[in-house]
PDB file of N, CA and C in Angstrom:
ATOM      1  N   MET A   1      96.655 -97.704 142.171  1.00  0.00           N
ATOM      2  CA  MET A   1      95.379 -97.086 142.535  1.00  0.00           C
ATOM      3  C   MET A   1      95.283 -95.645 142.021  1.00  0.00           C
ATOM      4  N   HIS A   2      96.424 -94.948 142.102  1.00  0.00           N
ATOM      5  CA  HIS A   2      96.397 -93.553 141.646  1.00  0.00           C
ATOM      6  C   HIS A   2      96.093 -93.458 140.148  1.00  0.00           C
ATOM      7  N   GLY A   3      96.676 -94.357 139.362  1.00  0.00           N
ATOM      8  CA  GLY A   3      96.409 -94.373 137.923  1.00  0.00           C
ATOM      9  C   GLY A   3      94.938 -94.590 137.640  1.00  0.00           C
ATOM     10  N   HIS A   4      94.319 -95.495 138.400  1.00  0.00           N
ATOM     11  CA  HIS A   4      92.890 -95.778 138.250  1.00  0.00           C
ATOM     12  C   HIS A   4      92.072 -94.525 138.561  1.00  0.00           C
ATOM     13  N   LYS A   5      92.483 -93.786 139.589  1.00  0.00           N
ATOM     14  CA  LYS A   5      91.742 -92.596 139.999  1.00  0.00           C
ATOM     15  C   LYS A   5      91.789 -91.509 138.914  1.00  0.00           C
ATOM     16  N   SER A   6      92.988 -91.273 138.334  1.00  0.00           N
ATOM     17  CA  SER A   6      93.102 -90.251 137.290  1.00  0.00           C
ATOM     18  C   SER A   6      92.271 -90.651 136.072  1.00  0.00           C
ATOM     19  N   LEU A   7      92.230 -91.958 135.789  1.00  0.00           N
ATOM     20  CA  LEU A   7      91.409 -92.447 134.681  1.00  0.00           C
ATOM     21  C   LEU A   7      89.940 -92.130 134.938  1.00  0.00           C
ATOM     22  N   GLU A   8      89.501 -92.328 136.185  1.00  0.00           N
ATOM     23  CA  GLU A   8      88.109 -92.026 136.537  1.00  0.00           C
ATOM     24  C   GLU A   8      87.809 -90.542 136.350  1.00  0.00           C
ATOM     25  N   SER A   9      88.714 -89.666 136.794  1.00  0.00           N
ATOM     26  CA  SER A   9      88.482 -88.228 136.667  1.00  0.00           C
ATOM     27  C   SER A   9      88.439 -87.821 135.193  1.00  0.00           C
ATOM     28  N   GLU A  10      89.291 -88.434 134.364  1.00  0.00           N
ATOM     29  CA  GLU A  10      89.253 -88.154 132.925  1.00  0.00           C
ATOM     30  C   GLU A  10      87.924 -88.615 132.338  1.00  0.00           C
ATOM     31  N   LEU A  11      87.444 -89.770 132.803  1.00  0.00           N
ATOM     32  CA  LEU A  11      86.160 -90.296 132.343  1.00  0.00           C
ATOM     33  C   LEU A  11      85.038 -89.315 132.698  1.00  0.00           C
ATOM     34  N   VAL A  12      85.094 -88.756 133.899  1.00  0.00           N
ATOM     35  CA  VAL A  12      84.094 -87.768 134.325  1.00  0.00           C
ATOM     36  C   VAL A  12      84.122 -86.559 133.398  1.00  0.00           C
ATOM     37  N   VAL A  13      85.329 -86.078 133.064  1.00  0.00           N
ATOM     38  CA  VAL A  13      85.463 -84.929 132.156  1.00  0.00           C
ATOM     39  C   VAL A  13      84.835 -85.251 130.804  1.00  0.00           C
ATOM     40  N   VAL A  14      85.138 -86.448 130.294  1.00  0.00           N
ATOM     41  CA  VAL A  14      84.584 -86.863 128.999  1.00  0.00           C
ATOM     42  C   VAL A  14      83.062 -86.917 129.059  1.00  0.00           C
ATOM     43  N   VAL A  15      82.526 -87.486 130.138  1.00  0.00           N
ATOM     44  CA  VAL A  15      81.066 -87.582 130.298  1.00  0.00           C
ATOM     45  C   VAL A  15      80.449 -86.191 130.335  1.00  0.00           C
ATOM     46  N   VAL A  16      81.062 -85.272 131.083  1.00  0.00           N
ATOM     47  CA  VAL A  16      80.550 -83.899 131.186  1.00  0.00           C
ATOM     48  C   VAL A  16      80.548 -83.242 129.808  1.00  0.00           C
ATOM     49  N   VAL A  17      81.653 -83.399 129.071  1.00  0.00           N
ATOM     50  CA  VAL A  17      81.746 -82.808 127.729  1.00  0.00           C
ATOM     51  C   VAL A  17      80.663 -83.370 126.823  1.00  0.00           C
ATOM     52  N   VAL A  18      80.476 -84.689 126.863  1.00  0.00           N
ATOM     53  CA  VAL A  18      79.450 -85.342 126.037  1.00  0.00           C
ATOM     54  C   VAL A  18      78.065 -84.815 126.399  1.00  0.00           C
ATOM     55  N   VAL A  19      77.791 -84.701 127.699  1.00  0.00           N
ATOM     56  CA  VAL A  19      76.481 -84.203 128.157  1.00  0.00           C
ATOM     57  C   VAL A  19      76.259 -82.779 127.661  1.00  0.00           C
ATOM     58  N   VAL A  20      77.291 -81.924 127.770  1.00  0.00           N
ATOM     59  CA  VAL A  20      77.176 -80.535 127.311  1.00  0.00           C
ATOM     60  C   VAL A  20      76.880 -80.497 125.815  1.00  0.00           C
ATOM     61  N   ILE A  21      77.612 -81.320 125.034  1.00  0.00           N
ATOM     62  CA  ILE A  21      77.392 -81.352 123.583  1.00  0.00           C
ATOM     63  C   ILE A  21      75.975 -81.811 123.269  1.00  0.00           C
ATOM     64  N   VAL A  22      75.513 -82.855 123.967  1.00  0.00           N
ATOM     65  CA  VAL A  22      74.158 -83.379 123.741  1.00  0.00           C
ATOM     66  C   VAL A  22      73.120 -82.302 124.047  1.00  0.00           C
ATOM     67  N   VAL A  23      73.293 -81.600 125.164  1.00  0.00           N
ATOM     68  CA  VAL A  23      72.349 -80.539 125.552  1.00  0.00           C
ATOM     69  C   VAL A  23      72.322 -79.450 124.483  1.00  0.00           C
ATOM     70  N   VAL A  24      73.514 -79.033 124.031  1.00  0.00           N
ATOM     71  CA  VAL A  24      73.596 -77.986 122.993  1.00  0.00           C
ATOM     72  C   VAL A  24      72.883 -78.446 121.729  1.00  0.00           C
ATOM     73  N   VAL A  25      73.138 -79.695 121.317  1.00  0.00           N
ATOM     74  CA  VAL A  25      72.504 -80.231 120.101  1.00  0.00           C
ATOM     75  C   VAL A  25      70.989 -80.260 120.254  1.00  0.00           C
ATOM     76  N   VAL A  26      70.508 -80.712 121.421  1.00  0.00           N
ATOM     77  CA  VAL A  26      69.062 -80.785 121.654  1.00  0.00           C
ATOM     78  C   VAL A  26      68.438 -79.392 121.581  1.00  0.00           C
ATOM     79  N   VAL A  27      69.093 -78.421 122.225  1.00  0.00           N
ATOM     80  CA  VAL A  27      68.583 -77.039 122.206  1.00  0.00           C
ATOM     81  C   VAL A  27      68.531 -76.523 120.776  1.00  0.00           C
ATOM     82  N   VAL A  28      69.604 -76.757 120.015  1.00  0.00           N
ATOM     83  CA  VAL A  28      69.639 -76.299 118.624  1.00  0.00           C
ATOM     84  C   VAL A  28      68.520 -76.931 117.820  1.00  0.00           C
ATOM     85  N   VAL A  29      68.328 -78.246 117.994  1.00  0.00           N
ATOM     86  CA  VAL A  29      67.281 -78.953 117.249  1.00  0.00           C
ATOM     87  C   VAL A  29      65.906 -78.388 117.597  1.00  0.00           C
ATOM     88  N   VAL A  30      65.658 -78.184 118.890  1.00  0.00           N
ATOM     89  CA  VAL A  30      64.364 -77.656 119.327  1.00  0.00           C
ATOM     90  C   VAL A  30      64.122 -76.269 118.731  1.00  0.00           C
ATOM     91  N   VAL A  31      65.149 -75.409 118.804  1.00  0.00           N
ATOM     92  CA  VAL A  31      65.013 -74.042 118.271  1.00  0.00           C
ATOM     93  C   VAL A  31      64.772 -74.083 116.766  1.00  0.00           C
ATOM     94  N   VAL A  32      65.528 -74.933 116.061  1.00  0.00           N
ATOM     95  CA  VAL A  32      65.360 -75.039 114.606  1.00  0.00           C
ATOM     96  C   VAL A  32      63.949 -75.525 114.271  1.00  0.00           C
ATOM     97  N   VAL A  33      63.472 -76.526 115.014  1.00  0.00           N
ATOM     98  CA  VAL A  33      62.126 -77.048 114.776  1.00  0.00           C
ATOM     99  C   VAL A  33      61.097 -75.942 114.991  1.00  0.00           C
ATOM    100  N   ILE A  34      61.265 -75.167 116.061  1.00  0.00           N
ATOM    101  CA  ILE A  34      60.337 -74.067 116.345  1.00  0.00           C
ATOM    102  C   ILE A  34      60.380 -73.033 115.220  1.00  0.00           C
ATOM    103  N   VAL A  35      61.604 -72.655 114.826  1.00  0.00           N
ATOM    104  CA  VAL A  35      61.758 -71.629 113.777  1.00  0.00           C
ATOM    105  C   VAL A  35      61.154 -72.103 112.461  1.00  0.00           C
ATOM    106  N   VAL A  36      61.348 -73.383 112.150  1.00  0.00           N
ATOM    107  CA  VAL A  36      60.859 -73.912 110.877  1.00  0.00           C
ATOM    108  C   VAL A  36      59.353 -74.196 110.930  1.00  0.00           C
ATOM    109  N   ALA A  37      58.869 -74.716 112.054  1.00  0.00           N
ATOM    110  CA  ALA A  37      57.488 -75.210 112.118  1.00  0.00           C
ATOM    111  C   ALA A  37      56.465 -74.124 112.449  1.00  0.00           C
ATOM    112  N   VAL A  38      56.839 -73.134 113.256  1.00  0.00           N
ATOM    113  CA  VAL A  38      55.839 -72.178 113.753  1.00  0.00           C
ATOM    114  C   VAL A  38      55.325 -71.223 112.669  1.00  0.00           C
ATOM    115  N   PRO A  39      56.182 -70.552 111.873  1.00  0.00           N
ATOM    116  CA  PRO A  39      55.658 -69.582 110.899  1.00  0.00           C
ATOM    117  C   PRO A  39      54.572 -70.121 109.971  1.00  0.00           C
ATOM    118  N   PRO A  40      54.709 -71.325 109.371  1.00  0.00           N
ATOM    119  CA  PRO A  40      53.629 -71.820 108.499  1.00  0.00           C
ATOM    120  C   PRO A  40      52.329 -72.097 109.258  1.00  0.00           C
ATOM    121  N   LEU A  41      52.427 -72.396 110.569  1.00  0.00           N
ATOM    122  CA  LEU A  41      51.225 -72.713 111.342  1.00  0.00           C
ATOM    123  C   LEU A  41      50.417 -71.462 111.676  1.00  0.00           C
ATOM    124  N   LEU A  42      51.086 -70.320 111.700  1.00  0.00           N
ATOM    125  CA  LEU A  42      50.367 -69.086 112.025  1.00  0.00           C
ATOM    126  C   LEU A  42      49.424 -68.723 110.878  1.00  0.00           C
ATOM    127  N   PRO A  43      48.129 -68.532 111.201  1.00  0.00           N
ATOM    128  CA  PRO A  43      47.136 -68.315 110.136  1.00  0.00           C
ATOM    129  C   PRO A  43      47.048 -66.852 109.699  1.00  0.00           C
ATOM    130  N   THR A  44      48.205 -66.231 109.463  1.00  0.00           N
ATOM    131  CA  THR A  44      48.188 -64.842 108.997  1.00  0.00           C
ATOM    132  C   THR A  44      48.921 -64.756 107.668  1.00  0.00           C
ATOM    133  N   THR A  45      48.461 -63.865 106.808  1.00  0.00           N
ATOM    134  CA  THR A  45      49.076 -63.730 105.486  1.00  0.00           C
ATOM    135  C   THR A  45      50.429 -63.021 105.590  1.00  0.00           C
ATOM    136  N   THR A  46      50.624 -62.250 106.669  1.00  0.00           N
ATOM    137  CA  THR A  46      51.874 -61.496 106.803  1.00  0.00           C
ATOM    138  C   THR A  46      53.066 -62.441 106.945  1.00  0.00           C
ATOM    139  N   THR A  47      52.861 -63.596 107.612  1.00  0.00           N
ATOM    140  CA  THR A  47      53.980 -64.538 107.774  1.00  0.00           C
ATOM    141  C   THR A  47      54.455 -65.021 106.413  1.00  0.00           C
ATOM    142  N   TYR A  48      53.512 -65.236 105.488  1.00  0.00           N
ATOM    143  CA  TYR A  48      53.903 -65.710 104.157  1.00  0.00           C
ATOM    144  C   TYR A  48      54.630 -64.604 103.391  1.00  0.00           C
ATOM    145  N   ASN A  49      54.204 -63.374 103.608  1.00  0.00           N
ATOM    146  CA  ASN A  49      54.891 -62.252 102.966  1.00  0.00           C
ATOM    147  C   ASN A  49      56.290 -62.072 103.539  1.00  0.00           C
ATOM    148  N   ASN A  50      56.441 -62.350 104.840  1.00  0.00           N
ATOM    149  CA  ASN A  50      57.731 -62.155 105.518  1.00  0.00           C
ATOM    150  C   ASN A  50      58.600 -63.411 105.489  1.00  0.00           C
ATOM    151  N   ASN A  51      58.184 -64.413 104.716  1.00  0.00           N
ATOM    152  CA  ASN A  51      58.926 -65.676 104.704  1.00  0.00           C
ATOM    153  C   ASN A  51      60.375 -65.479 104.285  1.00  0.00           C
ATOM    154  N   LYS A  52      60.602 -64.641 103.282  1.00  0.00           N
ATOM    155  CA  LYS A  52      61.972 -64.415 102.818  1.00  0.00           C
ATOM    156  C   LYS A  52      62.809 -63.792 103.934  1.00  0.00           C
ATOM    157  N   ASP A  53      62.228 -62.851 104.670  1.00  0.00           N
ATOM    158  CA  ASP A  53      62.942 -62.219 105.788  1.00  0.00           C
ATOM    159  C   ASP A  53      63.288 -63.261 106.850  1.00  0.00           C
ATOM    160  N   SER A  54      62.328 -64.118 107.180  1.00  0.00           N
ATOM    161  CA  SER A  54      62.572 -65.118 108.230  1.00  0.00           C
ATOM    162  C   SER A  54      63.652 -66.100 107.789  1.00  0.00           C
ATOM    163  N   VAL A  55      63.667 -66.441 106.490  1.00  0.00           N
ATOM    164  CA  VAL A  55      64.716 -67.329 105.984  1.00  0.00           C
ATOM    165  C   VAL A  55      66.075 -66.660 106.132  1.00  0.00           C
ATOM    166  N   HIS A  56      66.126 -65.369 105.809  1.00  0.00           N
ATOM    167  CA  HIS A  56      67.378 -64.608 105.946  1.00  0.00           C
ATOM    168  C   HIS A  56      67.820 -64.586 107.407  1.00  0.00           C
ATOM    169  N   GLU A  57      66.871 -64.308 108.310  1.00  0.00           N
ATOM    170  CA  GLU A  57      67.180 -64.294 109.745  1.00  0.00           C
ATOM    171  C   GLU A  57      67.651 -65.669 110.195  1.00  0.00           C
ATOM    172  N   PHE A  58      67.001 -66.704 109.676  1.00  0.00           N
ATOM    173  CA  PHE A  58      67.345 -68.070 110.054  1.00  0.00           C
ATOM    174  C   PHE A  58      68.782 -68.390 109.632  1.00  0.00           C
ATOM    175  N   ASN A  59      69.184 -67.934 108.442  1.00  0.00           N
ATOM    176  CA  ASN A  59      70.555 -68.158 107.979  1.00  0.00           C
ATOM    177  C   ASN A  59      71.554 -67.449 108.886  1.00  0.00           C
ATOM    178  N   GLU A  60      71.256 -66.210 109.273  1.00  0.00           N
ATOM    179  CA  GLU A  60      72.125 -65.479 110.199  1.00  0.00           C
ATOM    180  C   GLU A  60      72.202 -66.214 111.530  1.00  0.00           C
ATOM    181  N   PHE A  61      71.061 -66.728 111.969  1.00  0.00           N
ATOM    182  CA  PHE A  61      70.967 -67.472 113.224  1.00  0.00           C
ATOM    183  C   PHE A  61      71.854 -68.715 113.160  1.00  0.00           C
ATOM    184  N   LYS A  62      71.788 -69.433 112.016  1.00  0.00           N
ATOM    185  CA  LYS A  62      72.632 -70.623 111.837  1.00  0.00           C
ATOM    186  C   LYS A  62      74.107 -70.255 111.898  1.00  0.00           C
ATOM    187  N   LEU A  63      74.470 -69.139 111.246  1.00  0.00           N
ATOM    188  CA  LEU A  63      75.866 -68.682 111.268  1.00  0.00           C
ATOM    189  C   LEU A  63      76.304 -68.409 112.704  1.00  0.00           C
ATOM    190  N   LEU A  64      75.443 -67.729 113.464  1.00  0.00           N
ATOM    191  CA  LEU A  64      75.751 -67.425 114.860  1.00  0.00           C
ATOM    192  C   LEU A  64      75.965 -68.715 115.649  1.00  0.00           C
ATOM    193  N   TRP A  65      75.065 -69.702 115.443  1.00  0.00           N
ATOM    194  CA  TRP A  65      75.164 -70.967 116.172  1.00  0.00           C
ATOM    195  C   TRP A  65      76.445 -71.705 115.833  1.00  0.00           C
ATOM    196  N   THR A  66      76.791 -71.763 114.524  1.00  0.00           N
ATOM    197  CA  THR A  66      78.010 -72.483 114.140  1.00  0.00           C
ATOM    198  C   THR A  66      79.225 -71.781 114.742  1.00  0.00           C
ATOM    199  N   PHE A  67      79.192 -70.432 114.764  1.00  0.00           N
ATOM    200  CA  PHE A  67      80.279 -69.658 115.361  1.00  0.00           C
ATOM    201  C   PHE A  67      80.424 -70.006 116.841  1.00  0.00           C
ATOM    202  N   MET A  68      79.291 -70.001 117.572  1.00  0.00           N
ATOM    203  CA  MET A  68      79.305 -70.318 119.002  1.00  0.00           C
ATOM    204  C   MET A  68      79.775 -71.750 119.232  1.00  0.00           C
ATOM    205  N   PHE A  69      79.302 -72.664 118.364  1.00  0.00           N
ATOM    206  CA  PHE A  69      79.676 -74.074 118.502  1.00  0.00           C
ATOM    207  C   PHE A  69      81.180 -74.240 118.315  1.00  0.00           C
ATOM    208  N   ARG A  70      81.758 -73.523 117.347  1.00  0.00           N
ATOM    209  CA  ARG A  70      83.197 -73.594 117.122  1.00  0.00           C
ATOM    210  C   ARG A  70      83.959 -73.099 118.342  1.00  0.00           C
ATOM    211  N   ILE A  71      83.481 -72.003 118.929  1.00  0.00           N
ATOM    212  CA  ILE A  71      84.125 -71.470 120.140  1.00  0.00           C
ATOM    213  C   ILE A  71      84.069 -72.520 121.247  1.00  0.00           C
ATOM    214  N   ASN A  72      82.890 -73.151 121.426  1.00  0.00           N
ATOM    215  CA  ASN A  72      82.744 -74.198 122.453  1.00  0.00           C
ATOM    216  C   ASN A  72      83.714 -75.332 122.211  1.00  0.00           C
ATOM    217  N   VAL A  73      83.829 -75.774 120.954  1.00  0.00           N
ATOM    218  CA  VAL A  73      84.736 -76.878 120.619  1.00  0.00           C
ATOM    219  C   VAL A  73      86.166 -76.489 120.951  1.00  0.00           C
ATOM    220  N   GLU A  74      86.550 -75.253 120.582  1.00  0.00           N
ATOM    221  CA  GLU A  74      87.920 -74.796 120.865  1.00  0.00           C
ATOM    222  C   GLU A  74      88.170 -74.781 122.378  1.00  0.00           C
ATOM    223  N   MET A  75      87.191 -74.285 123.149  1.00  0.00           N
ATOM    224  CA  MET A  75      87.334 -74.228 124.610  1.00  0.00           C
ATOM    225  C   MET A  75      87.472 -75.637 125.181  1.00  0.00           C
ATOM    226  N   ILE A  76      86.659 -76.583 124.684  1.00  0.00           N
ATOM    227  CA  ILE A  76      86.714 -77.967 125.163  1.00  0.00           C
ATOM    228  C   ILE A  76      88.085 -78.559 124.846  1.00  0.00           C
ATOM    229  N   LYS A  77      88.582 -78.315 123.624  1.00  0.00           N
ATOM    230  CA  LYS A  77      89.906 -78.822 123.242  1.00  0.00           C
ATOM    231  C   LYS A  77      90.973 -78.272 124.185  1.00  0.00           C
ATOM    232  N   LYS A  78      90.901 -76.948 124.464  1.00  0.00           N
ATOM    233  CA  LYS A  78      91.875 -76.317 125.363  1.00  0.00           C
ATOM    234  C   LYS A  78      91.804 -76.956 126.749  1.00  0.00           C
ATOM    235  N   ASN A  79      90.579 -77.169 127.250  1.00  0.00           N
ATOM    236  CA  ASN A  79      90.405 -77.773 128.578  1.00  0.00           C
ATOM    237  C   ASN A  79      90.994 -79.179 128.615  1.00  0.00           C
ATOM    238  N   LEU A  80      90.759 -79.955 127.551  1.00  0.00           N
ATOM    239  CA  LEU A  80      91.249 -81.340 127.529  1.00  0.00           C
ATOM    240  C   LEU A  80      92.768 -81.367 127.436  1.00  0.00           C
ATOM    241  N   THR A  81      93.349 -80.432 126.653  1.00  0.00           N
ATOM    242  CA  THR A  81      94.805 -80.457 126.489  1.00  0.00           C
ATOM    243  C   THR A  81      95.498 -79.887 127.728  1.00  0.00           C
ATOM    244  N   SER A  82      94.852 -78.952 128.432  1.00  0.00           N
ATOM    245  CA  SER A  82      95.499 -78.317 129.596  1.00  0.00           C
ATOM    246  C   SER A  82      95.574 -79.272 130.787  1.00  0.00           C
ATOM    247  N   THR A  83      94.605 -80.198 130.915  1.00  0.00           N
ATOM    248  CA  THR A  83      94.612 -81.122 132.058  1.00  0.00           C
ATOM    249  C   THR A  83      95.625 -82.235 131.838  1.00  0.00           C
TER     250      THR A  83
END
């Protein structure tokens, strides 16, 4: 019975990790869609002039996200190995 219980707790950890990853992915997708879709929809000429700047900002933003994602992955790995 004890073996079954530890298996259940590990399953819960896996489910939590999966849910966290899914939430992060959804948030990233939503933000990317907003960043990509909103500027062209704005009916101002300044957005088109600033397109290069927004692309540059978007690249920095992607770098930040990948950095954060790597940290999250490392933390998850540490949590899984420590238990």
